[in-house]
């Protein structure tokens, strides 16, 4: 196992940051957010052209997560505290939801 010096690690982070910030058309825009309520989620999706959302503490009413655009699918943990939202045009495979976690591939 090799160790990386702090200055080398900083240089690597700088390179990655420059590549990301200079890339004009990213392939996938991901928003990671703690929602507490999803009232403003639709506007954020439209304004920022978000492709995928990883969320905690979604607004849940009668066991359903609310506030998503109609053409978006959702996958959630067993207790609805963690969720992934994506347009229905994406068709990921769900990997076994857990009590507090969800994963897609």
PDB file of N, CA and C in Angstrom:
ATOM      1  N   UNK A   1       0.840  -1.174   0.000  1.00  0.00           N
ATOM      2  CA  UNK A   1       0.000   0.000   0.000  1.00  0.00           C
ATOM      3  C   UNK A   1       0.886   1.238   0.000  1.00  0.00           C
ATOM      4  N   UNK A   2       0.634   2.153  -0.901  1.00  0.00           N
ATOM      5  CA  UNK A   2       1.426   3.371  -0.971  1.00  0.00           C
ATOM      6  C   UNK A   2       0.673   4.514  -0.322  1.00  0.00           C
ATOM      7  N   UNK A   3       1.444   5.439   0.245  1.00  0.00           N
ATOM      8  CA  UNK A   3       0.795   6.607   0.830  1.00  0.00           C
ATOM      9  C   UNK A   3       1.019   7.799  -0.085  1.00  0.00           C
ATOM     10  N   UNK A   4       0.091   8.703  -0.072  1.00  0.00           N
ATOM     11  CA  UNK A   4       0.172   9.894  -0.895  1.00  0.00           C
ATOM     12  C   UNK A   4       0.471  11.081  -0.005  1.00  0.00           C
ATOM     13  N   UNK A   5       1.438  11.885  -0.419  1.00  0.00           N
ATOM     14  CA  UNK A   5       1.773  13.066   0.378  1.00  0.00           C
ATOM     15  C   UNK A   5       0.635  14.079   0.284  1.00  0.00           C
ATOM     16  N   UNK A   6       0.490  14.922   1.313  1.00  0.00           N
ATOM     17  CA  UNK A   6      -0.572  15.934   1.276  1.00  0.00           C
ATOM     18  C   UNK A   6      -0.484  16.848   0.058  1.00  0.00           C
ATOM     19  N   UNK A   7       0.731  17.247  -0.334  1.00  0.00           N
ATOM     20  CA  UNK A   7       0.858  18.141  -1.492  1.00  0.00           C
ATOM     21  C   UNK A   7       0.465  17.432  -2.781  1.00  0.00           C
ATOM     22  N   UNK A   8       0.786  16.145  -2.893  1.00  0.00           N
ATOM     23  CA  UNK A   8       0.396  15.373  -4.064  1.00  0.00           C
ATOM     24  C   UNK A   8      -1.123  15.232  -4.136  1.00  0.00           C
ATOM     25  N   UNK A   9      -1.740  14.999  -3.001  1.00  0.00           N
ATOM     26  CA  UNK A   9      -3.197  14.872  -2.947  1.00  0.00           C
ATOM     27  C   UNK A   9      -3.864  16.187  -3.348  1.00  0.00           C
ATOM     28  N   UNK A  10      -3.336  17.299  -2.882  1.00  0.00           N
ATOM     29  CA  UNK A  10      -3.882  18.614  -3.239  1.00  0.00           C
ATOM     30  C   UNK A  10      -3.757  18.850  -4.739  1.00  0.00           C
ATOM     31  N   UNK A  11      -2.626  18.460  -5.334  1.00  0.00           N
ATOM     32  CA  UNK A  11      -2.443  18.612  -6.775  1.00  0.00           C
ATOM     33  C   UNK A  11      -3.466  17.778  -7.540  1.00  0.00           C
ATOM     34  N   UNK A  12      -3.716  16.551  -7.079  1.00  0.00           N
ATOM     35  CA  UNK A  12      -4.698  15.693  -7.733  1.00  0.00           C
ATOM     36  C   UNK A  12      -6.090  16.306  -7.662  1.00  0.00           C
ATOM     37  N   UNK A  13      -6.452  16.845  -6.501  1.00  0.00           N
ATOM     38  CA  UNK A  13      -7.762  17.478  -6.342  1.00  0.00           C
ATOM     39  C   UNK A  13      -7.871  18.700  -7.248  1.00  0.00           C
ATOM     40  N   UNK A  14      -6.798  19.489  -7.347  1.00  0.00           N
ATOM     41  CA  UNK A  14      -6.798  20.658  -8.228  1.00  0.00           C
ATOM     42  C   UNK A  14      -7.021  20.252  -9.679  1.00  0.00           C
ATOM     43  N   UNK A  15      -6.371  19.191 -10.113  1.00  0.00           N
ATOM     44  CA  UNK A  15      -6.520  18.712 -11.492  1.00  0.00           C
ATOM     45  C   UNK A  15      -7.954  18.280 -11.748  1.00  0.00           C
ATOM     46  N   UNK A  16      -8.530  17.514 -10.831  1.00  0.00           N
ATOM     47  CA  UNK A  16      -9.911  17.052 -10.990  1.00  0.00           C
ATOM     48  C   UNK A  16     -10.860  18.241 -11.033  1.00  0.00           C
ATOM     49  N   UNK A  17     -10.671  19.194 -10.134  1.00  0.00           N
ATOM     50  CA  UNK A  17     -11.531  20.377 -10.088  1.00  0.00           C
ATOM     51  C   UNK A  17     -11.459  21.158 -11.389  1.00  0.00           C
ATOM     52  N   UNK A  18     -10.259  21.335 -11.923  1.00  0.00           N
ATOM     53  CA  UNK A  18     -10.105  22.063 -13.182  1.00  0.00           C
ATOM     54  C   UNK A  18     -10.791  21.323 -14.321  1.00  0.00           C
ATOM     55  N   UNK A  19     -10.654  20.020 -14.367  1.00  0.00           N
ATOM     56  CA  UNK A  19     -11.292  19.228 -15.423  1.00  0.00           C
ATOM     57  C   UNK A  19     -12.806  19.351 -15.350  1.00  0.00           C
ATOM     58  N   UNK A  20     -13.346  19.248 -14.158  1.00  0.00           N
ATOM     59  CA  UNK A  20     -14.795  19.318 -13.989  1.00  0.00           C
ATOM     60  C   UNK A  20     -15.308  20.705 -14.328  1.00  0.00           C
ATOM     61  N   UNK A  21     -14.639  21.745 -13.846  1.00  0.00           N
ATOM     62  CA  UNK A  21     -15.127  23.108 -14.065  1.00  0.00           C
ATOM     63  C   UNK A  21     -14.960  23.553 -15.515  1.00  0.00           C
ATOM     64  N   UNK A  22     -14.025  22.966 -16.252  1.00  0.00           N
ATOM     65  CA  UNK A  22     -13.813  23.360 -17.637  1.00  0.00           C
ATOM     66  C   UNK A  22     -14.646  22.537 -18.608  1.00  0.00           C
ATOM     67  N   UNK A  23     -15.246  21.478 -18.140  1.00  0.00           N
ATOM     68  CA  UNK A  23     -16.063  20.627 -19.000  1.00  0.00           C
ATOM     69  C   UNK A  23     -17.401  21.317 -19.240  1.00  0.00           C
ATOM     70  N   UNK A  24     -17.723  21.618 -20.471  1.00  0.00           N
ATOM     71  CA  UNK A  24     -18.907  22.413 -20.795  1.00  0.00           C
ATOM     72  C   UNK A  24     -20.218  21.641 -20.701  1.00  0.00           C
ATOM     73  N   UNK A  25     -20.215  20.363 -21.001  1.00  0.00           N
ATOM     74  CA  UNK A  25     -21.459  19.599 -21.043  1.00  0.00           C
ATOM     75  C   UNK A  25     -21.291  18.314 -20.241  1.00  0.00           C
ATOM     76  N   UNK A  26     -21.506  18.371 -18.931  1.00  0.00           N
ATOM     77  CA  UNK A  26     -21.330  17.161 -18.129  1.00  0.00           C
ATOM     78  C   UNK A  26     -22.330  16.087 -18.546  1.00  0.00           C
ATOM     79  N   UNK A  27     -21.918  14.841 -18.453  1.00  0.00           N
ATOM     80  CA  UNK A  27     -22.776  13.746 -18.864  1.00  0.00           C
ATOM     81  C   UNK A  27     -23.975  13.533 -17.965  1.00  0.00           C
ATOM     82  N   UNK A  28     -23.824  13.781 -16.679  1.00  0.00           N
ATOM     83  CA  UNK A  28     -24.904  13.525 -15.729  1.00  0.00           C
ATOM     84  C   UNK A  28     -24.804  14.522 -14.586  1.00  0.00           C
ATOM     85  N   UNK A  29     -25.877  15.242 -14.326  1.00  0.00           N
ATOM     86  CA  UNK A  29     -25.905  16.189 -13.207  1.00  0.00           C
ATOM     87  C   UNK A  29     -26.624  15.536 -12.038  1.00  0.00           C
ATOM     88  N   UNK A  30     -25.907  15.391 -10.930  1.00  0.00           N
ATOM     89  CA  UNK A  30     -26.444  14.735  -9.736  1.00  0.00           C
ATOM     90  C   UNK A  30     -26.581  15.769  -8.624  1.00  0.00           C
ATOM     91  N   UNK A  31     -27.742  15.780  -7.992  1.00  0.00           N
ATOM     92  CA  UNK A  31     -27.987  16.657  -6.853  1.00  0.00           C
ATOM     93  C   UNK A  31     -28.110  15.796  -5.611  1.00  0.00           C
ATOM     94  N   UNK A  32     -27.281  16.059  -4.606  1.00  0.00           N
ATOM     95  CA  UNK A  32     -27.376  15.378  -3.314  1.00  0.00           C
ATOM     96  C   UNK A  32     -27.913  16.408  -2.343  1.00  0.00           C
ATOM     97  N   UNK A  33     -29.041  16.074  -1.677  1.00  0.00           N
ATOM     98  CA  UNK A  33     -29.717  17.086  -0.875  1.00  0.00           C
ATOM     99  C   UNK A  33     -30.454  16.467   0.306  1.00  0.00           C
ATOM    100  N   UNK A  34     -30.496  17.209   1.407  1.00  0.00           N
ATOM    101  CA  UNK A  34     -31.352  16.861   2.535  1.00  0.00           C
ATOM    102  C   UNK A  34     -32.593  17.719   2.349  1.00  0.00           C
ATOM    103  N   UNK A  35     -33.713  17.106   2.011  1.00  0.00           N
ATOM    104  CA  UNK A  35     -34.891  17.853   1.594  1.00  0.00           C
ATOM    105  C   UNK A  35     -35.703  18.463   2.728  1.00  0.00           C
ATOM    106  N   UNK A  36     -35.900  17.741   3.788  1.00  0.00           N
ATOM    107  CA  UNK A  36     -36.806  18.113   4.867  1.00  0.00           C
ATOM    108  C   UNK A  36     -38.216  18.297   4.318  1.00  0.00           C
ATOM    109  N   UNK A  37     -38.385  18.984   3.221  1.00  0.00           N
ATOM    110  CA  UNK A  37     -39.647  19.058   2.470  1.00  0.00           C
ATOM    111  C   UNK A  37     -39.281  19.151   0.997  1.00  0.00           C
ATOM    112  N   UNK A  38     -40.124  18.626   0.132  1.00  0.00           N
ATOM    113  CA  UNK A  38     -39.808  18.629  -1.295  1.00  0.00           C
ATOM    114  C   UNK A  38     -40.545  19.710  -2.064  1.00  0.00           C
ATOM    115  N   UNK A  39     -41.107  20.694  -1.389  1.00  0.00           N
ATOM    116  CA  UNK A  39     -41.886  21.731  -2.065  1.00  0.00           C
ATOM    117  C   UNK A  39     -41.102  22.442  -3.165  1.00  0.00           C
ATOM    118  N   UNK A  40     -39.826  22.671  -2.981  1.00  0.00           N
ATOM    119  CA  UNK A  40     -39.026  23.406  -3.963  1.00  0.00           C
ATOM    120  C   UNK A  40     -38.258  22.491  -4.905  1.00  0.00           C
ATOM    121  N   UNK A  41     -38.469  21.207  -4.799  1.00  0.00           N
ATOM    122  CA  UNK A  41     -37.696  20.264  -5.590  1.00  0.00           C
ATOM    123  C   UNK A  41     -37.967  20.399  -7.085  1.00  0.00           C
ATOM    124  N   UNK A  42     -39.210  20.532  -7.498  1.00  0.00           N
ATOM    125  CA  UNK A  42     -39.535  20.648  -8.929  1.00  0.00           C
ATOM    126  C   UNK A  42     -38.820  21.832  -9.575  1.00  0.00           C
ATOM    127  N   UNK A  43     -38.813  22.963  -8.883  1.00  0.00           N
ATOM    128  CA  UNK A  43     -38.157  24.159  -9.423  1.00  0.00           C
ATOM    129  C   UNK A  43     -36.648  23.942  -9.553  1.00  0.00           C
ATOM    130  N   UNK A  44     -36.044  23.325  -8.563  1.00  0.00           N
ATOM    131  CA  UNK A  44     -34.599  23.063  -8.611  1.00  0.00           C
ATOM    132  C   UNK A  44     -34.256  22.140  -9.773  1.00  0.00           C
ATOM    133  N   UNK A  45     -35.083  21.135 -10.003  1.00  0.00           N
ATOM    134  CA  UNK A  45     -34.843  20.198 -11.103  1.00  0.00           C
ATOM    135  C   UNK A  45     -34.878  20.939 -12.434  1.00  0.00           C
ATOM    136  N   UNK A  46     -35.885  21.769 -12.632  1.00  0.00           N
ATOM    137  CA  UNK A  46     -36.027  22.500 -13.894  1.00  0.00           C
ATOM    138  C   UNK A  46     -34.926  23.543 -14.068  1.00  0.00           C
ATOM    139  N   UNK A  47     -34.668  24.330 -13.030  1.00  0.00           N
ATOM    140  CA  UNK A  47     -33.677  25.404 -13.123  1.00  0.00           C
ATOM    141  C   UNK A  47     -32.269  24.880 -13.346  1.00  0.00           C
ATOM    142  N   UNK A  48     -31.905  23.815 -12.676  1.00  0.00           N
ATOM    143  CA  UNK A  48     -30.537  23.295 -12.731  1.00  0.00           C
ATOM    144  C   UNK A  48     -30.357  22.160 -13.732  1.00  0.00           C
ATOM    145  N   UNK A  49     -31.447  21.716 -14.362  1.00  0.00           N
ATOM    146  CA  UNK A  49     -31.411  20.600 -15.316  1.00  0.00           C
ATOM    147  C   UNK A  49     -30.755  19.364 -14.683  1.00  0.00           C
ATOM    148  N   UNK A  50     -31.290  18.969 -13.542  1.00  0.00           N
ATOM    149  CA  UNK A  50     -30.769  17.849 -12.771  1.00  0.00           C
ATOM    150  C   UNK A  50     -31.188  16.535 -13.422  1.00  0.00           C
ATOM    151  N   UNK A  51     -30.274  15.553 -13.456  1.00  0.00           N
ATOM    152  CA  UNK A  51     -30.556  14.238 -14.026  1.00  0.00           C
ATOM    153  C   UNK A  51     -30.869  13.185 -12.975  1.00  0.00           C
ATOM    154  N   UNK A  52     -30.294  13.322 -11.792  1.00  0.00           N
ATOM    155  CA  UNK A  52     -30.434  12.305 -10.752  1.00  0.00           C
ATOM    156  C   UNK A  52     -30.360  12.992  -9.396  1.00  0.00           C
ATOM    157  N   UNK A  53     -31.224  12.581  -8.475  1.00  0.00           N
ATOM    158  CA  UNK A  53     -31.234  13.187  -7.143  1.00  0.00           C
ATOM    159  C   UNK A  53     -31.036  12.106  -6.096  1.00  0.00           C
ATOM    160  N   UNK A  54     -30.114  12.357  -5.189  1.00  0.00           N
ATOM    161  CA  UNK A  54     -29.890  11.494  -4.031  1.00  0.00           C
ATOM    162  C   UNK A  54     -30.356  12.313  -2.839  1.00  0.00           C
ATOM    163  N   UNK A  55     -31.396  11.837  -2.151  1.00  0.00           N
ATOM    164  CA  UNK A  55     -32.033  12.667  -1.127  1.00  0.00           C
ATOM    165  C   UNK A  55     -32.166  11.956   0.210  1.00  0.00           C
ATOM    166  N   UNK A  56     -32.113  12.774   1.252  1.00  0.00           N
ATOM    167  CA  UNK A  56     -32.422  12.305   2.596  1.00  0.00           C
ATOM    168  C   UNK A  56     -33.604  13.126   3.100  1.00  0.00           C
ATOM    169  N   UNK A  57     -34.361  12.527   3.994  1.00  0.00           N
ATOM    170  CA  UNK A  57     -35.474  13.190   4.673  1.00  0.00           C
ATOM    171  C   UNK A  57     -36.449  13.849   3.707  1.00  0.00           C
ATOM    172  N   UNK A  58     -36.949  13.080   2.760  1.00  0.00           N
ATOM    173  CA  UNK A  58     -37.965  13.575   1.841  1.00  0.00           C
ATOM    174  C   UNK A  58     -39.254  13.838   2.603  1.00  0.00           C
ATOM    175  N   UNK A  59     -40.123  14.647   2.019  1.00  0.00           N
ATOM    176  CA  UNK A  59     -41.428  14.909   2.627  1.00  0.00           C
ATOM    177  C   UNK A  59     -42.321  13.709   2.340  1.00  0.00           C
ATOM    178  N   UNK A  60     -42.729  13.018   3.385  1.00  0.00           N
ATOM    179  CA  UNK A  60     -43.547  11.814   3.247  1.00  0.00           C
ATOM    180  C   UNK A  60     -44.920  12.083   3.851  1.00  0.00           C
ATOM    181  N   UNK A  61     -45.972  11.787   3.084  1.00  0.00           N
ATOM    182  CA  UNK A  61     -47.346  11.949   3.558  1.00  0.00           C
ATOM    183  C   UNK A  61     -48.105  10.669   3.242  1.00  0.00           C
ATOM    184  N   UNK A  62     -48.707  10.072   4.246  1.00  0.00           N
ATOM    185  CA  UNK A  62     -49.425   8.796   4.097  1.00  0.00           C
ATOM    186  C   UNK A  62     -48.558   7.729   3.427  1.00  0.00           C
ATOM    187  N   UNK A  63     -47.291   7.695   3.781  1.00  0.00           N
ATOM    188  CA  UNK A  63     -46.386   6.672   3.276  1.00  0.00           C
ATOM    189  C   UNK A  63     -45.828   6.923   1.889  1.00  0.00           C
ATOM    190  N   UNK A  64     -46.170   8.062   1.268  1.00  0.00           N
ATOM    191  CA  UNK A  64     -45.695   8.364  -0.080  1.00  0.00           C
ATOM    192  C   UNK A  64     -44.805   9.605  -0.060  1.00  0.00           C
ATOM    193  N   UNK A  65     -43.744   9.574  -0.859  1.00  0.00           N
ATOM    194  CA  UNK A  65     -42.868  10.736  -1.006  1.00  0.00           C
ATOM    195  C   UNK A  65     -43.545  11.698  -1.975  1.00  0.00           C
ATOM    196  N   UNK A  66     -43.693  12.949  -1.552  1.00  0.00           N
ATOM    197  CA  UNK A  66     -44.388  13.949  -2.358  1.00  0.00           C
ATOM    198  C   UNK A  66     -43.419  14.971  -2.944  1.00  0.00           C
ATOM    199  N   UNK A  67     -43.877  15.685  -3.979  1.00  0.00           N
ATOM    200  CA  UNK A  67     -43.131  16.806  -4.528  1.00  0.00           C
ATOM    201  C   UNK A  67     -42.308  16.514  -5.760  1.00  0.00           C
ATOM    202  N   UNK A  68     -42.441  15.332  -6.333  1.00  0.00           N
ATOM    203  CA  UNK A  68     -41.666  15.000  -7.532  1.00  0.00           C
ATOM    204  C   UNK A  68     -42.447  15.328  -8.793  1.00  0.00           C
ATOM    205  N   UNK A  69     -41.753  15.716  -9.851  1.00  0.00           N
ATOM    206  CA  UNK A  69     -42.435  15.871 -11.132  1.00  0.00           C
ATOM    207  C   UNK A  69     -43.047  14.535 -11.563  1.00  0.00           C
ATOM    208  N   UNK A  70     -44.101  14.590 -12.355  1.00  0.00           N
ATOM    209  CA  UNK A  70     -44.818  13.374 -12.754  1.00  0.00           C
ATOM    210  C   UNK A  70     -43.952  12.366 -13.487  1.00  0.00           C
ATOM    211  N   UNK A  71     -43.045  12.829 -14.290  1.00  0.00           N
ATOM    212  CA  UNK A  71     -42.262  11.904 -15.112  1.00  0.00           C
ATOM    213  C   UNK A  71     -40.964  11.475 -14.451  1.00  0.00           C
ATOM    214  N   UNK A  72     -40.944  11.499 -13.135  1.00  0.00           N
ATOM    215  CA  UNK A  72     -39.781  11.053 -12.376  1.00  0.00           C
ATOM    216  C   UNK A  72     -40.142   9.812 -11.581  1.00  0.00           C
ATOM    217  N   UNK A  73     -39.208   8.869 -11.539  1.00  0.00           N
ATOM    218  CA  UNK A  73     -39.390   7.653 -10.740  1.00  0.00           C
ATOM    219  C   UNK A  73     -38.647   7.819  -9.425  1.00  0.00           C
ATOM    220  N   UNK A  74     -39.044   7.036  -8.438  1.00  0.00           N
ATOM    221  CA  UNK A  74     -38.363   7.116  -7.142  1.00  0.00           C
ATOM    222  C   UNK A  74     -38.085   5.720  -6.623  1.00  0.00           C
ATOM    223  N   UNK A  75     -36.970   5.616  -5.929  1.00  0.00           N
ATOM    224  CA  UNK A  75     -36.586   4.399  -5.240  1.00  0.00           C
ATOM    225  C   UNK A  75     -36.213   4.823  -3.839  1.00  0.00           C
ATOM    226  N   UNK A  76     -36.749   4.139  -2.841  1.00  0.00           N
ATOM    227  CA  UNK A  76     -36.486   4.603  -1.476  1.00  0.00           C
ATOM    228  C   UNK A  76     -36.112   3.456  -0.554  1.00  0.00           C
ATOM    229  N   UNK A  77     -35.488   3.853   0.569  1.00  0.00           N
ATOM    230  CA  UNK A  77     -35.166   2.883   1.614  1.00  0.00           C
ATOM    231  C   UNK A  77     -36.473   2.391   2.229  1.00  0.00           C
ATOM    232  N   UNK A  78     -36.393   1.360   3.028  1.00  0.00           N
ATOM    233  CA  UNK A  78     -37.600   0.786   3.616  1.00  0.00           C
ATOM    234  C   UNK A  78     -38.354   1.782   4.495  1.00  0.00           C
ATOM    235  N   UNK A  79     -37.640   2.697   5.139  1.00  0.00           N
ATOM    236  CA  UNK A  79     -38.298   3.675   6.009  1.00  0.00           C
ATOM    237  C   UNK A  79     -38.497   5.037   5.328  1.00  0.00           C
ATOM    238  N   UNK A  80     -38.236   5.131   4.022  1.00  0.00           N
ATOM    239  CA  UNK A  80     -38.392   6.359   3.225  1.00  0.00           C
ATOM    240  C   UNK A  80     -37.481   7.509   3.658  1.00  0.00           C
ATOM    241  N   UNK A  81     -36.452   7.245   4.446  1.00  0.00           N
ATOM    242  CA  UNK A  81     -35.547   8.322   4.868  1.00  0.00           C
ATOM    243  C   UNK A  81     -34.464   8.608   3.832  1.00  0.00           C
ATOM    244  N   UNK A  82     -34.190   7.663   2.964  1.00  0.00           N
ATOM    245  CA  UNK A  82     -33.218   7.854   1.885  1.00  0.00           C
ATOM    246  C   UNK A  82     -33.908   7.506   0.572  1.00  0.00           C
ATOM    247  N   UNK A  83     -33.637   8.295  -0.465  1.00  0.00           N
ATOM    248  CA  UNK A  83     -34.292   8.043  -1.745  1.00  0.00           C
ATOM    249  C   UNK A  83     -33.410   8.489  -2.898  1.00  0.00           C
ATOM    250  N   UNK A  84     -33.669   7.888  -4.041  1.00  0.00           N
ATOM    251  CA  UNK A  84     -33.029   8.276  -5.291  1.00  0.00           C
ATOM    252  C   UNK A  84     -34.154   8.570  -6.266  1.00  0.00           C
ATOM    253  N   UNK A  85     -34.070   9.723  -6.936  1.00  0.00           N
ATOM    254  CA  UNK A  85     -35.073  10.133  -7.905  1.00  0.00           C
ATOM    255  C   UNK A  85     -34.402  10.303  -9.258  1.00  0.00           C
ATOM    256  N   UNK A  86     -35.091   9.869 -10.321  1.00  0.00           N
ATOM    257  CA  UNK A  86     -34.550  10.009 -11.675  1.00  0.00           C
ATOM    258  C   UNK A  86     -35.703  10.064 -12.667  1.00  0.00           C
ATOM    259  N   UNK A  87     -35.481  10.675 -13.826  1.00  0.00           N
ATOM    260  CA  UNK A  87     -36.521  10.669 -14.857  1.00  0.00           C
ATOM    261  C   UNK A  87     -36.851   9.233 -15.253  1.00  0.00           C
ATOM    262  N   UNK A  88     -38.098   8.996 -15.644  1.00  0.00           N
ATOM    263  CA  UNK A  88     -38.497   7.638 -16.004  1.00  0.00           C
ATOM    264  C   UNK A  88     -37.737   7.125 -17.221  1.00  0.00           C
ATOM    265  N   UNK A  89     -37.104   8.014 -17.987  1.00  0.00           N
ATOM    266  CA  UNK A  89     -36.321   7.580 -19.146  1.00  0.00           C
ATOM    267  C   UNK A  89     -35.076   6.794 -18.740  1.00  0.00           C
ATOM    268  N   UNK A  90     -34.587   6.997 -17.524  1.00  0.00           N
ATOM    269  CA  UNK A  90     -33.486   6.183 -17.007  1.00  0.00           C
ATOM    270  C   UNK A  90     -34.093   4.910 -16.441  1.00  0.00           C
ATOM    271  N   UNK A  91     -33.451   3.799 -16.651  1.00  0.00           N
ATOM    272  CA  UNK A  91     -34.016   2.547 -16.133  1.00  0.00           C
ATOM    273  C   UNK A  91     -32.950   1.760 -15.372  1.00  0.00           C
ATOM    274  N   UNK A  92     -32.609   2.238 -14.182  1.00  0.00           N
ATOM    275  CA  UNK A  92     -31.593   1.536 -13.390  1.00  0.00           C
ATOM    276  C   UNK A  92     -32.141   0.267 -12.757  1.00  0.00           C
ATOM    277  N   UNK A  93     -31.243  -0.533 -12.268  1.00  0.00           N
ATOM    278  CA  UNK A  93     -31.599  -1.744 -11.529  1.00  0.00           C
ATOM    279  C   UNK A  93     -31.474  -1.416 -10.049  1.00  0.00           C
ATOM    280  N   UNK A  94     -32.497  -1.747  -9.272  1.00  0.00           N
ATOM    281  CA  UNK A  94     -32.469  -1.484  -7.832  1.00  0.00           C
ATOM    282  C   UNK A  94     -31.714  -2.612  -7.147  1.00  0.00           C
ATOM    283  N   UNK A  95     -30.773  -2.233  -6.294  1.00  0.00           N
ATOM    284  CA  UNK A  95     -30.012  -3.196  -5.507  1.00  0.00           C
ATOM    285  C   UNK A  95     -30.587  -3.205  -4.098  1.00  0.00           C
ATOM    286  N   UNK A  96     -31.155  -4.274  -3.663  1.00  0.00           N
ATOM    287  CA  UNK A  96     -31.757  -4.508  -2.349  1.00  0.00           C
ATOM    288  C   UNK A  96     -31.856  -3.301  -1.420  1.00  0.00           C
ATOM    289  N   UNK A  97     -33.041  -2.696  -1.303  1.00  0.00           N
ATOM    290  CA  UNK A  97     -33.198  -1.590  -0.360  1.00  0.00           C
ATOM    291  C   UNK A  97     -33.015  -2.060   1.077  1.00  0.00           C
ATOM    292  N   UNK A  98     -32.437  -1.210   1.888  1.00  0.00           N
ATOM    293  CA  UNK A  98     -32.217  -1.490   3.312  1.00  0.00           C
ATOM    294  C   UNK A  98     -33.089  -0.549   4.131  1.00  0.00           C
ATOM    295  N   UNK A  99     -33.039  -0.684   5.452  1.00  0.00           N
ATOM    296  CA  UNK A  99     -33.846   0.164   6.330  1.00  0.00           C
ATOM    297  C   UNK A  99     -33.560   1.649   6.098  1.00  0.00           C
ATOM    298  N   UNK A 100     -32.288   2.046   6.041  1.00  0.00           N
ATOM    299  CA  UNK A 100     -31.911   3.452   5.897  1.00  0.00           C
ATOM    300  C   UNK A 100     -31.132   3.748   4.621  1.00  0.00           C
ATOM    301  N   UNK A 101     -31.105   2.834   3.665  1.00  0.00           N
ATOM    302  CA  UNK A 101     -30.287   3.044   2.470  1.00  0.00           C
ATOM    303  C   UNK A 101     -30.953   2.435   1.240  1.00  0.00           C
ATOM    304  N   UNK A 102     -30.605   2.998   0.086  1.00  0.00           N
ATOM    305  CA  UNK A 102     -31.075   2.478  -1.193  1.00  0.00           C
ATOM    306  C   UNK A 102     -29.932   2.630  -2.196  1.00  0.00           C
ATOM    307  N   UNK A 103     -29.812   1.691  -3.105  1.00  0.00           N
ATOM    308  CA  UNK A 103     -28.771   1.772  -4.130  1.00  0.00           C
ATOM    309  C   UNK A 103     -29.354   1.341  -5.461  1.00  0.00           C
ATOM    310  N   UNK A 104     -28.905   1.989  -6.524  1.00  0.00           N
ATOM    311  CA  UNK A 104     -29.291   1.589  -7.873  1.00  0.00           C
ATOM    312  C   UNK A 104     -28.032   1.412  -8.699  1.00  0.00           C
ATOM    313  N   UNK A 105     -28.183   0.696  -9.791  1.00  0.00           N
ATOM    314  CA  UNK A 105     -27.038   0.437 -10.672  1.00  0.00           C
ATOM    315  C   UNK A 105     -27.471   0.712 -12.093  1.00  0.00           C
TER     316      UNK A 105
END
